[in-house]
Amino acid sequence: MKLQIMKSGDIVRPIFQFHKHGLDKLMALCFLWISGCASMNNRPTELLPTRSTYTTGPFAIHSHKKMTQMDPIVQELESLTRQVSSRIGGPVSGQDKKVDVYIFADEPSFQHFLHYYHPELPSRRAYFIATEKSRSVYTYQGDHLMEDLRHESTHAIVNLTHPGLPLWLDEGLAEAFEHPDGDRSPDPHLERFLSDVNSGFKPDLKRLESIADVRKLTPRDYREAWAWVEWGMAGPEVASKAFRSYLDDVMRLGESEAVVALKRLSSRWSESSADRPAPQLAMLAWIGSKSSRSELPEKGSIDTAIKQTRLQNSDVEKKTSELKRSTLSSKRNTPGFYGRIYESLFGRN
């Protein structure tokens, strides 16, 4: 059988010309066509969730379900954009630069996509991937959606506004902004970091600055990066001023120049505190003053409690958490060990 297409006016119609055994071939073709339709009906869904797209700020949110402005995912990303812009500078430059956010329906579809397109990547709950042509966040509907979404989307915003940040600072900012708006529990980074210190860990920013491979960052490194970033964003004026100046320089110079031209943040902080306590001691005292504990937590006691709080949502646990928070809040007027160190260095807040 030979198939030709003849166009007559606005009508396109096929014309069949039969040769020897043409009818047999036509019947075989029809059988294949019917079989093909059955296969297409049973084919798996597309790997990327692109059924619905909602755009807000720099984000184009792709999902299997329709989204509106009132969707928690949309509101979380809008809030995150405002927070990052107000605390480290912005706004997001260039509306032509967009970030695609893909929310998979479940973990299996997310993992299937990663194994197909990025088999070299280790298995994780979420990713931000930047190429020369695109910036994309990938995650899935699950218990940690908002936390993972905020973490990776912070990477995306920072990639737009401050390209060229060192690895530790990029990850520290993502850790600092990952706590969801709707989660009123204390940021778990605080007590985990103090637990690290209690076990003998000593913060060392120069060591963090020397790490250029994300695979070499340990969970403890992430917590230390969070502590330095929190101190830089909300700590004493001498620290926050040097921190903001560094970020402004990165935004002004861009990625190619910032990496080589800028003096490291550890050096800036050391110079700005020449007549004050060393940055390590000052940061540790300030972070410690934010804890409601009168003493440092026991080694190993923090991670387990926080894990249970995140995984369980029973009414009993909620009441226990509320009681614990009310008990802690009644002790906030009494400075703990680190609070007393901080007051001796900088006075009362």
C-alpha atoms as a PDB file:
ATOM      1  CA  MET A   1       0.000   0.000   0.000  1.00  0.00           C
ATOM      2  CA  LYS A   2       1.198   3.493  -0.779  1.00  0.00           C
ATOM      3  CA  LEU A   3      -0.124   6.442   1.197  1.00  0.00           C
ATOM      4  CA  GLN A   4      -0.384   9.883  -0.320  1.00  0.00           C
ATOM      5  CA  ILE A   5      -1.870  13.056   1.086  1.00  0.00           C
ATOM      6  CA  MET A   6      -3.996  15.261  -1.178  1.00  0.00           C
ATOM      7  CA  LYS A   7      -5.122  18.679  -0.010  1.00  0.00           C
ATOM      8  CA  SER A   8      -8.411  20.022  -1.354  1.00  0.00           C
ATOM      9  CA  GLY A   9      -9.421  23.382   0.064  1.00  0.00           C
ATOM     10  CA  ASP A  10      -9.320  23.020   3.857  1.00  0.00           C
ATOM     11  CA  ILE A  11      -9.833  19.245   3.737  1.00  0.00           C
ATOM     12  CA  VAL A  12      -6.935  16.852   4.019  1.00  0.00           C
ATOM     13  CA  ARG A  13      -7.835  13.316   2.960  1.00  0.00           C
ATOM     14  CA  PRO A  14      -5.805  10.150   2.365  1.00  0.00           C
ATOM     15  CA  ILE A  15      -5.897   8.338  -1.000  1.00  0.00           C
ATOM     16  CA  PHE A  16      -5.043   4.634  -1.053  1.00  0.00           C
ATOM     17  CA  GLN A  17      -3.642   2.971  -4.167  1.00  0.00           C
ATOM     18  CA  PHE A  18      -3.697  -0.809  -4.057  1.00  0.00           C
ATOM     19  CA  HIS A  19      -1.179  -3.065  -5.778  1.00  0.00           C
ATOM     20  CA  LYS A  20      -0.887  -6.870  -5.706  1.00  0.00           C
ATOM     21  CA  HIS A  21      -1.746  -8.238  -2.293  1.00  0.00           C
ATOM     22  CA  GLY A  22      -2.719  -4.699  -1.286  1.00  0.00           C
ATOM     23  CA  LEU A  23      -5.753  -5.863   0.641  1.00  0.00           C
ATOM     24  CA  ASP A  24      -3.685  -8.234   2.774  1.00  0.00           C
ATOM     25  CA  LYS A  25      -1.278  -5.433   3.577  1.00  0.00           C
ATOM     26  CA  LEU A  26      -4.132  -3.098   4.435  1.00  0.00           C
ATOM     27  CA  MET A  27      -5.600  -5.642   6.866  1.00  0.00           C
ATOM     28  CA  ALA A  28      -2.197  -6.157   8.471  1.00  0.00           C
ATOM     29  CA  LEU A  29      -1.758  -2.399   8.830  1.00  0.00           C
ATOM     30  CA  CYS A  30      -5.194  -2.083  10.437  1.00  0.00           C
ATOM     31  CA  PHE A  31      -4.277  -4.810  12.935  1.00  0.00           C
ATOM     32  CA  LEU A  32      -1.056  -3.042  13.849  1.00  0.00           C
ATOM     33  CA  TRP A  33      -2.861   0.276  14.165  1.00  0.00           C
ATOM     34  CA  ILE A  34      -5.452  -1.206  16.550  1.00  0.00           C
ATOM     35  CA  SER A  35      -2.736  -2.921  18.583  1.00  0.00           C
ATOM     36  CA  GLY A  36      -0.809   0.339  18.714  1.00  0.00           C
ATOM     37  CA  CYS A  37      -3.818   2.200  20.109  1.00  0.00           C
ATOM     38  CA  ALA A  38      -4.182  -0.392  22.846  1.00  0.00           C
ATOM     39  CA  SER A  39      -0.507   0.009  23.737  1.00  0.00           C
ATOM     40  CA  MET A  40      -0.780   3.810  23.810  1.00  0.00           C
ATOM     41  CA  ASN A  41      -3.779   3.583  26.119  1.00  0.00           C
ATOM     42  CA  ASN A  42      -1.726   1.496  28.536  1.00  0.00           C
ATOM     43  CA  ARG A  43       1.469   3.530  28.308  1.00  0.00           C
ATOM     44  CA  PRO A  44       2.880   4.978  31.554  1.00  0.00           C
ATOM     45  CA  THR A  45       2.278   8.593  32.462  1.00  0.00           C
ATOM     46  CA  GLU A  46       4.839  11.190  31.434  1.00  0.00           C
ATOM     47  CA  LEU A  47       7.942  11.282  33.576  1.00  0.00           C
ATOM     48  CA  LEU A  48       7.607  14.996  34.346  1.00  0.00           C
ATOM     49  CA  PRO A  49       4.490  16.323  36.102  1.00  0.00           C
ATOM     50  CA  THR A  50       3.352  18.884  33.517  1.00  0.00           C
ATOM     51  CA  ARG A  51      -0.429  18.550  33.616  1.00  0.00           C
ATOM     52  CA  SER A  52      -0.779  21.900  35.400  1.00  0.00           C
ATOM     53  CA  THR A  53       1.532  24.927  35.602  1.00  0.00           C
ATOM     54  CA  TYR A  54       1.188  27.907  37.926  1.00  0.00           C
ATOM     55  CA  THR A  55       3.611  30.845  37.705  1.00  0.00           C
ATOM     56  CA  THR A  56       4.460  33.105  40.620  1.00  0.00           C
ATOM     57  CA  GLY A  57       7.517  35.365  40.862  1.00  0.00           C
ATOM     58  CA  PRO A  58      10.517  33.514  39.419  1.00  0.00           C
ATOM     59  CA  PHE A  59       8.845  30.113  39.820  1.00  0.00           C
ATOM     60  CA  ALA A  60       6.875  28.055  37.294  1.00  0.00           C
ATOM     61  CA  ILE A  61       5.302  25.300  39.413  1.00  0.00           C
ATOM     62  CA  HIS A  62       4.482  22.116  37.519  1.00  0.00           C
ATOM     63  CA  SER A  63       2.218  19.507  39.070  1.00  0.00           C
ATOM     64  CA  HIS A  64      -0.252  16.715  38.289  1.00  0.00           C
ATOM     65  CA  LYS A  65      -2.988  18.694  40.014  1.00  0.00           C
ATOM     66  CA  LYS A  66      -4.341  22.156  39.310  1.00  0.00           C
ATOM     67  CA  MET A  67      -2.976  24.926  41.545  1.00  0.00           C
ATOM     68  CA  THR A  68      -4.309  28.319  42.570  1.00  0.00           C
ATOM     69  CA  GLN A  69      -2.872  31.269  44.436  1.00  0.00           C
ATOM     70  CA  MET A  70      -4.265  29.802  47.680  1.00  0.00           C
ATOM     71  CA  ASP A  71      -2.429  26.489  47.338  1.00  0.00           C
ATOM     72  CA  PRO A  72       0.015  25.984  50.266  1.00  0.00           C
ATOM     73  CA  ILE A  73       2.868  25.270  47.838  1.00  0.00           C
ATOM     74  CA  VAL A  74       2.282  28.569  46.015  1.00  0.00           C
ATOM     75  CA  GLN A  75       2.032  30.533  49.261  1.00  0.00           C
ATOM     76  CA  GLU A  76       5.154  28.907  50.673  1.00  0.00           C
ATOM     77  CA  LEU A  77       7.214  29.844  47.603  1.00  0.00           C
ATOM     78  CA  GLU A  78       5.865  33.404  47.577  1.00  0.00           C
ATOM     79  CA  SER A  79       6.722  33.791  51.256  1.00  0.00           C
ATOM     80  CA  LEU A  80      10.173  32.299  50.723  1.00  0.00           C
ATOM     81  CA  THR A  81      10.907  34.739  47.883  1.00  0.00           C
ATOM     82  CA  ARG A  82      10.017  37.702  50.117  1.00  0.00           C
ATOM     83  CA  GLN A  83      12.077  36.381  53.038  1.00  0.00           C
ATOM     84  CA  VAL A  84      15.205  35.721  51.008  1.00  0.00           C
ATOM     85  CA  SER A  85      14.937  39.101  49.282  1.00  0.00           C
ATOM     86  CA  SER A  86      14.524  41.029  52.539  1.00  0.00           C
ATOM     87  CA  ARG A  87      17.305  39.232  54.428  1.00  0.00           C
ATOM     88  CA  ILE A  88      20.098  38.851  51.867  1.00  0.00           C
ATOM     89  CA  GLY A  89      19.200  41.304  49.118  1.00  0.00           C
ATOM     90  CA  GLY A  90      17.410  41.204  45.809  1.00  0.00           C
ATOM     91  CA  PRO A  91      14.907  41.386  44.276  1.00  0.00           C
ATOM     92  CA  VAL A  92      15.232  38.515  41.833  1.00  0.00           C
ATOM     93  CA  SER A  93      16.993  39.957  38.823  1.00  0.00           C
ATOM     94  CA  GLY A  94      15.667  39.503  35.303  1.00  0.00           C
ATOM     95  CA  GLN A  95      12.129  38.239  34.849  1.00  0.00           C
ATOM     96  CA  ASP A  96      13.353  36.278  31.837  1.00  0.00           C
ATOM     97  CA  LYS A  97      15.176  33.979  34.253  1.00  0.00           C
ATOM     98  CA  LYS A  98      12.758  31.420  35.573  1.00  0.00           C
ATOM     99  CA  VAL A  99      12.949  28.433  37.881  1.00  0.00           C
ATOM    100  CA  ASP A 100      10.922  25.329  37.007  1.00  0.00           C
ATOM    101  CA  VAL A 101       9.586  23.554  40.093  1.00  0.00           C
ATOM    102  CA  TYR A 102       8.388  19.991  39.490  1.00  0.00           C
ATOM    103  CA  ILE A 103       6.193  18.444  42.201  1.00  0.00           C
ATOM    104  CA  PHE A 104       5.885  14.715  41.572  1.00  0.00           C
ATOM    105  CA  ALA A 105       2.817  12.883  42.840  1.00  0.00           C
ATOM    106  CA  ASP A 106       4.809  10.383  44.916  1.00  0.00           C
ATOM    107  CA  GLU A 107       8.302   9.133  45.671  1.00  0.00           C
ATOM    108  CA  PRO A 108       8.350   6.229  43.134  1.00  0.00           C
ATOM    109  CA  SER A 109       7.622   8.559  40.196  1.00  0.00           C
ATOM    110  CA  PHE A 110      10.258  11.007  41.473  1.00  0.00           C
ATOM    111  CA  GLN A 111      12.884   8.260  41.813  1.00  0.00           C
ATOM    112  CA  HIS A 112      11.958   6.839  38.390  1.00  0.00           C
ATOM    113  CA  PHE A 113      12.579  10.228  36.794  1.00  0.00           C
ATOM    114  CA  LEU A 114      15.938  10.636  38.552  1.00  0.00           C
ATOM    115  CA  HIS A 115      17.118   7.151  37.590  1.00  0.00           C
ATOM    116  CA  TYR A 116      16.143   7.768  33.968  1.00  0.00           C
ATOM    117  CA  TYR A 117      17.620  11.253  33.457  1.00  0.00           C
ATOM    118  CA  HIS A 118      20.236  11.506  36.228  1.00  0.00           C
ATOM    119  CA  PRO A 119      21.452   8.004  37.125  1.00  0.00           C
ATOM    120  CA  GLU A 120      24.685   9.525  38.430  1.00  0.00           C
ATOM    121  CA  LEU A 121      22.897  11.276  41.313  1.00  0.00           C
ATOM    122  CA  PRO A 122      22.486   9.632  44.729  1.00  0.00           C
ATOM    123  CA  SER A 123      18.966   8.982  45.994  1.00  0.00           C
ATOM    124  CA  ARG A 124      17.612  12.006  47.871  1.00  0.00           C
ATOM    125  CA  ARG A 125      14.229  13.572  48.536  1.00  0.00           C
ATOM    126  CA  ALA A 126      14.769  16.699  46.432  1.00  0.00           C
ATOM    127  CA  TYR A 127      17.208  18.362  44.059  1.00  0.00           C
ATOM    128  CA  PHE A 128      18.025  21.722  42.540  1.00  0.00           C
ATOM    129  CA  ILE A 129      19.745  21.269  39.182  1.00  0.00           C
ATOM    130  CA  ALA A 130      21.124  24.191  37.173  1.00  0.00           C
ATOM    131  CA  THR A 131      22.385  23.980  33.610  1.00  0.00           C
ATOM    132  CA  GLU A 132      23.394  26.637  31.106  1.00  0.00           C
ATOM    133  CA  LYS A 133      19.801  26.855  29.872  1.00  0.00           C
ATOM    134  CA  SER A 134      17.646  25.990  32.866  1.00  0.00           C
ATOM    135  CA  ARG A 135      17.190  25.991  36.633  1.00  0.00           C
ATOM    136  CA  SER A 136      14.963  23.276  38.034  1.00  0.00           C
ATOM    137  CA  VAL A 137      13.771  22.058  41.416  1.00  0.00           C
ATOM    138  CA  TYR A 138      12.549  18.459  41.698  1.00  0.00           C
ATOM    139  CA  THR A 139      10.692  17.008  44.684  1.00  0.00           C
ATOM    140  CA  TYR A 140       7.534  15.047  45.505  1.00  0.00           C
ATOM    141  CA  GLN A 141       4.424  15.068  47.666  1.00  0.00           C
ATOM    142  CA  GLY A 142       5.389  13.668  51.056  1.00  0.00           C
ATOM    143  CA  ASP A 143       5.857  14.388  54.748  1.00  0.00           C
ATOM    144  CA  HIS A 144       8.884  16.625  54.111  1.00  0.00           C
ATOM    145  CA  LEU A 145       7.581  18.448  51.040  1.00  0.00           C
ATOM    146  CA  MET A 146       7.610  22.015  52.381  1.00  0.00           C
ATOM    147  CA  GLU A 147      11.001  21.682  54.044  1.00  0.00           C
ATOM    148  CA  ASP A 148      12.586  20.150  50.939  1.00  0.00           C
ATOM    149  CA  LEU A 149      10.836  22.606  48.627  1.00  0.00           C
ATOM    150  CA  ARG A 150      12.088  25.613  50.587  1.00  0.00           C
ATOM    151  CA  HIS A 151      15.635  24.267  50.817  1.00  0.00           C
ATOM    152  CA  GLU A 152      16.054  23.603  47.098  1.00  0.00           C
ATOM    153  CA  SER A 153      14.119  26.721  46.056  1.00  0.00           C
ATOM    154  CA  THR A 154      16.449  28.830  48.203  1.00  0.00           C
ATOM    155  CA  HIS A 155      19.320  27.423  46.145  1.00  0.00           C
ATOM    156  CA  ALA A 156      17.414  28.477  43.024  1.00  0.00           C
ATOM    157  CA  ILE A 157      16.789  32.051  44.241  1.00  0.00           C
ATOM    158  CA  VAL A 158      20.401  32.435  45.359  1.00  0.00           C
ATOM    159  CA  ASN A 159      21.532  31.145  41.965  1.00  0.00           C
ATOM    160  CA  LEU A 160      19.559  33.996  40.380  1.00  0.00           C
ATOM    161  CA  THR A 161      20.568  36.774  42.761  1.00  0.00           C
ATOM    162  CA  HIS A 162      24.007  35.811  44.084  1.00  0.00           C
ATOM    163  CA  PRO A 163      25.788  33.489  41.639  1.00  0.00           C
ATOM    164  CA  GLY A 164      29.312  32.736  42.800  1.00  0.00           C
ATOM    165  CA  LEU A 165      28.654  32.101  46.498  1.00  0.00           C
ATOM    166  CA  PRO A 166      31.025  29.571  48.100  1.00  0.00           C
ATOM    167  CA  LEU A 167      29.532  26.135  48.721  1.00  0.00           C
ATOM    168  CA  TRP A 168      29.248  26.412  52.513  1.00  0.00           C
ATOM    169  CA  LEU A 169      27.376  29.733  52.288  1.00  0.00           C
ATOM    170  CA  ASP A 170      25.006  28.488  49.599  1.00  0.00           C
ATOM    171  CA  GLU A 171      24.135  25.446  51.718  1.00  0.00           C
ATOM    172  CA  GLY A 172      23.989  27.473  54.934  1.00  0.00           C
ATOM    173  CA  LEU A 173      21.419  29.835  53.411  1.00  0.00           C
ATOM    174  CA  ALA A 174      19.327  26.895  52.198  1.00  0.00           C
ATOM    175  CA  GLU A 175      19.396  25.424  55.712  1.00  0.00           C
ATOM    176  CA  ALA A 176      18.470  28.780  57.241  1.00  0.00           C
ATOM    177  CA  PHE A 177      15.379  29.260  55.057  1.00  0.00           C
ATOM    178  CA  GLU A 178      14.109  25.654  54.945  1.00  0.00           C
ATOM    179  CA  HIS A 179      11.917  25.836  58.083  1.00  0.00           C
ATOM    180  CA  PRO A 180       8.301  26.024  56.769  1.00  0.00           C
ATOM    181  CA  ASP A 181       6.123  29.003  57.688  1.00  0.00           C
ATOM    182  CA  GLY A 182       3.358  26.802  59.057  1.00  0.00           C
ATOM    183  CA  ASP A 183       5.660  24.844  61.368  1.00  0.00           C
ATOM    184  CA  ARG A 184       5.675  26.689  64.694  1.00  0.00           C
ATOM    185  CA  SER A 185       8.058  24.281  66.395  1.00  0.00           C
ATOM    186  CA  PRO A 186      11.586  25.550  67.135  1.00  0.00           C
ATOM    187  CA  ASP A 187      14.104  25.302  64.328  1.00  0.00           C
ATOM    188  CA  PRO A 188      15.795  21.910  64.939  1.00  0.00           C
ATOM    189  CA  HIS A 189      19.157  23.235  63.744  1.00  0.00           C
ATOM    190  CA  LEU A 190      19.697  25.120  67.008  1.00  0.00           C
ATOM    191  CA  GLU A 191      19.661  22.238  69.469  1.00  0.00           C
ATOM    192  CA  ARG A 192      21.394  19.890  67.037  1.00  0.00           C
ATOM    193  CA  PHE A 193      24.252  22.350  66.601  1.00  0.00           C
ATOM    194  CA  LEU A 194      24.576  22.845  70.355  1.00  0.00           C
ATOM    195  CA  SER A 195      24.581  19.073  70.742  1.00  0.00           C
ATOM    196  CA  ASP A 196      27.535  18.953  68.325  1.00  0.00           C
ATOM    197  CA  VAL A 197      29.379  21.524  70.436  1.00  0.00           C
ATOM    198  CA  ASN A 198      28.546  19.618  73.598  1.00  0.00           C
ATOM    199  CA  SER A 199      30.210  16.535  72.120  1.00  0.00           C
ATOM    200  CA  GLY A 200      33.451  18.463  71.556  1.00  0.00           C
ATOM    201  CA  PHE A 201      32.961  19.920  68.070  1.00  0.00           C
ATOM    202  CA  LYS A 202      34.649  23.289  67.430  1.00  0.00           C
ATOM    203  CA  PRO A 203      33.349  25.573  64.632  1.00  0.00           C
ATOM    204  CA  ASP A 204      36.000  26.451  62.061  1.00  0.00           C
ATOM    205  CA  LEU A 205      34.852  28.678  59.201  1.00  0.00           C
ATOM    206  CA  LYS A 206      38.175  28.512  57.360  1.00  0.00           C
ATOM    207  CA  ARG A 207      37.829  24.732  57.201  1.00  0.00           C
ATOM    208  CA  LEU A 208      34.294  25.089  55.804  1.00  0.00           C
ATOM    209  CA  GLU A 209      35.511  27.572  53.203  1.00  0.00           C
ATOM    210  CA  SER A 210      38.075  25.055  51.944  1.00  0.00           C
ATOM    211  CA  ILE A 211      35.388  22.476  51.011  1.00  0.00           C
ATOM    212  CA  ALA A 212      34.470  22.754  47.326  1.00  0.00           C
ATOM    213  CA  ASP A 213      32.780  19.367  46.784  1.00  0.00           C
ATOM    214  CA  VAL A 214      29.233  19.040  48.132  1.00  0.00           C
ATOM    215  CA  ARG A 215      29.753  15.281  48.560  1.00  0.00           C
ATOM    216  CA  LYS A 216      32.352  16.026  51.236  1.00  0.00           C
ATOM    217  CA  LEU A 217      29.938  18.016  53.407  1.00  0.00           C
ATOM    218  CA  THR A 218      28.762  16.076  56.444  1.00  0.00           C
ATOM    219  CA  PRO A 219      25.471  16.701  58.314  1.00  0.00           C
ATOM    220  CA  ARG A 220      27.539  18.446  60.980  1.00  0.00           C
ATOM    221  CA  ASP A 221      29.034  20.731  58.308  1.00  0.00           C
ATOM    222  CA  TYR A 222      25.518  21.704  57.216  1.00  0.00           C
ATOM    223  CA  ARG A 223      24.610  22.599  60.795  1.00  0.00           C
ATOM    224  CA  GLU A 224      27.763  24.648  61.238  1.00  0.00           C
ATOM    225  CA  ALA A 225      27.064  26.474  57.967  1.00  0.00           C
ATOM    226  CA  TRP A 226      23.553  27.219  59.265  1.00  0.00           C
ATOM    227  CA  ALA A 227      25.006  28.665  62.493  1.00  0.00           C
ATOM    228  CA  TRP A 228      27.407  31.007  60.673  1.00  0.00           C
ATOM    229  CA  VAL A 229      24.645  32.200  58.329  1.00  0.00           C
ATOM    230  CA  GLU A 230      22.222  32.857  61.201  1.00  0.00           C
ATOM    231  CA  TRP A 231      24.920  34.834  63.001  1.00  0.00           C
ATOM    232  CA  GLY A 232      25.626  36.798  59.833  1.00  0.00           C
ATOM    233  CA  MET A 233      21.968  37.602  59.147  1.00  0.00           C
ATOM    234  CA  ALA A 234      20.733  38.363  62.658  1.00  0.00           C
ATOM    235  CA  GLY A 235      23.763  38.602  64.928  1.00  0.00           C
ATOM    236  CA  PRO A 236      25.504  41.702  66.348  1.00  0.00           C
ATOM    237  CA  GLU A 237      25.804  44.677  64.011  1.00  0.00           C
ATOM    238  CA  VAL A 238      29.516  44.223  63.406  1.00  0.00           C
ATOM    239  CA  ALA A 239      28.871  40.676  62.141  1.00  0.00           C
ATOM    240  CA  SER A 240      25.744  41.392  60.116  1.00  0.00           C
ATOM    241  CA  LYS A 241      27.266  44.462  58.481  1.00  0.00           C
ATOM    242  CA  ALA A 242      30.280  42.499  57.168  1.00  0.00           C
ATOM    243  CA  PHE A 243      27.965  39.674  56.082  1.00  0.00           C
ATOM    244  CA  ARG A 244      25.619  41.939  54.129  1.00  0.00           C
ATOM    245  CA  SER A 245      28.559  43.784  52.560  1.00  0.00           C
ATOM    246  CA  TYR A 246      29.958  40.466  51.330  1.00  0.00           C
ATOM    247  CA  LEU A 247      26.621  39.426  49.799  1.00  0.00           C
ATOM    248  CA  ASP A 248      26.227  42.818  48.112  1.00  0.00           C
ATOM    249  CA  ASP A 249      29.687  42.463  46.576  1.00  0.00           C
ATOM    250  CA  VAL A 250      28.821  39.012  45.242  1.00  0.00           C
ATOM    251  CA  MET A 251      25.601  40.320  43.683  1.00  0.00           C
ATOM    252  CA  ARG A 252      27.430  43.282  42.149  1.00  0.00           C
ATOM    253  CA  LEU A 253      30.376  41.358  40.687  1.00  0.00           C
ATOM    254  CA  GLY A 254      28.588  38.257  39.436  1.00  0.00           C
ATOM    255  CA  GLU A 255      29.767  34.674  39.418  1.00  0.00           C
ATOM    256  CA  SER A 256      32.901  34.910  37.262  1.00  0.00           C
ATOM    257  CA  GLU A 257      34.539  37.724  39.244  1.00  0.00           C
ATOM    258  CA  ALA A 258      33.164  37.068  42.730  1.00  0.00           C
ATOM    259  CA  VAL A 259      34.872  33.702  43.081  1.00  0.00           C
ATOM    260  CA  VAL A 260      38.338  35.149  42.519  1.00  0.00           C
ATOM    261  CA  ALA A 261      38.112  38.780  43.495  1.00  0.00           C
ATOM    262  CA  LEU A 262      36.417  38.665  46.881  1.00  0.00           C
ATOM    263  CA  LYS A 263      38.155  38.301  50.202  1.00  0.00           C
ATOM    264  CA  ARG A 264      36.779  35.350  52.154  1.00  0.00           C
ATOM    265  CA  LEU A 265      34.087  36.034  54.705  1.00  0.00           C
ATOM    266  CA  SER A 266      36.194  34.543  57.506  1.00  0.00           C
ATOM    267  CA  SER A 267      38.837  37.205  56.841  1.00  0.00           C
ATOM    268  CA  ARG A 268      36.251  39.998  56.805  1.00  0.00           C
ATOM    269  CA  TRP A 269      34.794  38.866  60.103  1.00  0.00           C
ATOM    270  CA  SER A 270      38.249  38.570  61.679  1.00  0.00           C
ATOM    271  CA  GLU A 271      39.182  42.091  60.568  1.00  0.00           C
ATOM    272  CA  SER A 272      35.886  43.585  61.714  1.00  0.00           C
ATOM    273  CA  SER A 273      36.293  42.067  65.188  1.00  0.00           C
ATOM    274  CA  ALA A 274      39.946  42.986  65.771  1.00  0.00           C
ATOM    275  CA  ASP A 275      39.147  44.572  69.165  1.00  0.00           C
ATOM    276  CA  ARG A 276      36.413  42.046  70.009  1.00  0.00           C
ATOM    277  CA  PRO A 277      36.185  38.320  70.755  1.00  0.00           C
ATOM    278  CA  ALA A 278      37.237  35.997  67.932  1.00  0.00           C
ATOM    279  CA  PRO A 279      34.405  35.268  65.448  1.00  0.00           C
ATOM    280  CA  GLN A 280      34.209  31.612  66.528  1.00  0.00           C
ATOM    281  CA  LEU A 281      33.666  32.531  70.185  1.00  0.00           C
ATOM    282  CA  ALA A 282      31.293  35.388  69.375  1.00  0.00           C
ATOM    283  CA  MET A 283      29.181  33.252  67.047  1.00  0.00           C
ATOM    284  CA  LEU A 284      29.027  30.383  69.517  1.00  0.00           C
ATOM    285  CA  ALA A 285      27.979  32.679  72.354  1.00  0.00           C
ATOM    286  CA  TRP A 286      25.285  34.333  70.233  1.00  0.00           C
ATOM    287  CA  ILE A 287      23.855  31.051  68.934  1.00  0.00           C
ATOM    288  CA  GLY A 288      23.890  29.554  72.410  1.00  0.00           C
ATOM    289  CA  SER A 289      22.005  32.543  73.823  1.00  0.00           C
ATOM    290  CA  LYS A 290      19.072  31.672  71.536  1.00  0.00           C
ATOM    291  CA  SER A 291      18.553  28.322  73.240  1.00  0.00           C
ATOM    292  CA  SER A 292      15.980  28.058  76.030  1.00  0.00           C
ATOM    293  CA  ARG A 293      18.040  25.400  77.786  1.00  0.00           C
ATOM    294  CA  SER A 294      19.806  26.350  80.987  1.00  0.00           C
ATOM    295  CA  GLU A 295      22.564  23.889  80.109  1.00  0.00           C
ATOM    296  CA  LEU A 296      23.837  22.240  76.971  1.00  0.00           C
ATOM    297  CA  PRO A 297      21.849  19.162  75.854  1.00  0.00           C
ATOM    298  CA  GLU A 298      23.231  15.724  76.532  1.00  0.00           C
ATOM    299  CA  LYS A 299      25.071  14.123  73.625  1.00  0.00           C
ATOM    300  CA  GLY A 300      22.805  12.064  71.397  1.00  0.00           C
ATOM    301  CA  SER A 301      19.549  13.132  73.064  1.00  0.00           C
ATOM    302  CA  ILE A 302      18.447  15.685  70.487  1.00  0.00           C
ATOM    303  CA  ASP A 303      18.181  13.890  67.149  1.00  0.00           C
ATOM    304  CA  THR A 304      15.876  11.168  68.435  1.00  0.00           C
ATOM    305  CA  ALA A 305      13.392  13.572  70.002  1.00  0.00           C
ATOM    306  CA  ILE A 306      13.193  15.744  66.920  1.00  0.00           C
ATOM    307  CA  LYS A 307      12.735  12.752  64.644  1.00  0.00           C
ATOM    308  CA  GLN A 308       9.788  11.541  66.684  1.00  0.00           C
ATOM    309  CA  THR A 309       8.215  14.988  66.682  1.00  0.00           C
ATOM    310  CA  ARG A 310       8.396  15.219  62.909  1.00  0.00           C
ATOM    311  CA  LEU A 311       7.064  11.748  62.198  1.00  0.00           C
ATOM    312  CA  GLN A 312       4.230  11.617  64.715  1.00  0.00           C
ATOM    313  CA  ASN A 313       1.193  13.880  64.681  1.00  0.00           C
ATOM    314  CA  SER A 314      -1.039  12.322  67.345  1.00  0.00           C
ATOM    315  CA  ASP A 315      -3.135  14.491  69.647  1.00  0.00           C
ATOM    316  CA  VAL A 316      -1.130  13.220  72.612  1.00  0.00           C
ATOM    317  CA  GLU A 317       2.113  14.368  71.029  1.00  0.00           C
ATOM    318  CA  LYS A 318       0.636  17.741  70.109  1.00  0.00           C
ATOM    319  CA  LYS A 319      -0.426  18.329  73.713  1.00  0.00           C
ATOM    320  CA  THR A 320       2.995  17.212  74.938  1.00  0.00           C
ATOM    321  CA  SER A 321       4.719  19.582  72.494  1.00  0.00           C
ATOM    322  CA  GLU A 322       2.500  22.491  73.518  1.00  0.00           C
ATOM    323  CA  LEU A 323       3.207  21.818  77.203  1.00  0.00           C
ATOM    324  CA  LYS A 324       6.923  21.601  76.504  1.00  0.00           C
ATOM    325  CA  ARG A 325       6.881  24.892  74.578  1.00  0.00           C
ATOM    326  CA  SER A 326       4.939  26.688  77.309  1.00  0.00           C
ATOM    327  CA  THR A 327       7.373  25.351  79.920  1.00  0.00           C
ATOM    328  CA  LEU A 328      10.357  26.498  77.881  1.00  0.00           C
ATOM    329  CA  SER A 329       8.871  29.915  77.225  1.00  0.00           C
ATOM    330  CA  SER A 330       8.551  30.499  80.955  1.00  0.00           C
ATOM    331  CA  LYS A 331      12.325  30.012  81.261  1.00  0.00           C
ATOM    332  CA  ARG A 332      13.321  32.372  78.447  1.00  0.00           C
ATOM    333  CA  ASN A 333      13.879  35.316  80.786  1.00  0.00           C
ATOM    334  CA  THR A 334      16.618  33.369  82.541  1.00  0.00           C
ATOM    335  CA  PRO A 335      19.724  33.233  80.332  1.00  0.00           C
ATOM    336  CA  GLY A 336      21.424  29.856  80.034  1.00  0.00           C
ATOM    337  CA  PHE A 337      25.115  29.053  79.916  1.00  0.00           C
ATOM    338  CA  TYR A 338      25.708  30.540  76.473  1.00  0.00           C
ATOM    339  CA  GLY A 339      23.328  33.384  77.205  1.00  0.00           C
ATOM    340  CA  ARG A 340      25.497  34.442  80.127  1.00  0.00           C
ATOM    341  CA  ILE A 341      28.597  34.311  77.899  1.00  0.00           C
ATOM    342  CA  TYR A 342      26.835  36.410  75.275  1.00  0.00           C
ATOM    343  CA  GLU A 343      25.699  38.999  77.831  1.00  0.00           C
ATOM    344  CA  SER A 344      29.234  39.285  79.174  1.00  0.00           C
ATOM    345  CA  LEU A 345      30.499  39.983  75.644  1.00  0.00           C
ATOM    346  CA  PHE A 346      27.755  42.121  74.130  1.00  0.00           C
ATOM    347  CA  GLY A 347      25.339  43.000  76.931  1.00  0.00           C
ATOM    348  CA  ARG A 348      21.626  42.190  76.996  1.00  0.00           C
ATOM    349  CA  ASN A 349      19.632  42.156  73.722  1.00  0.00           C
END
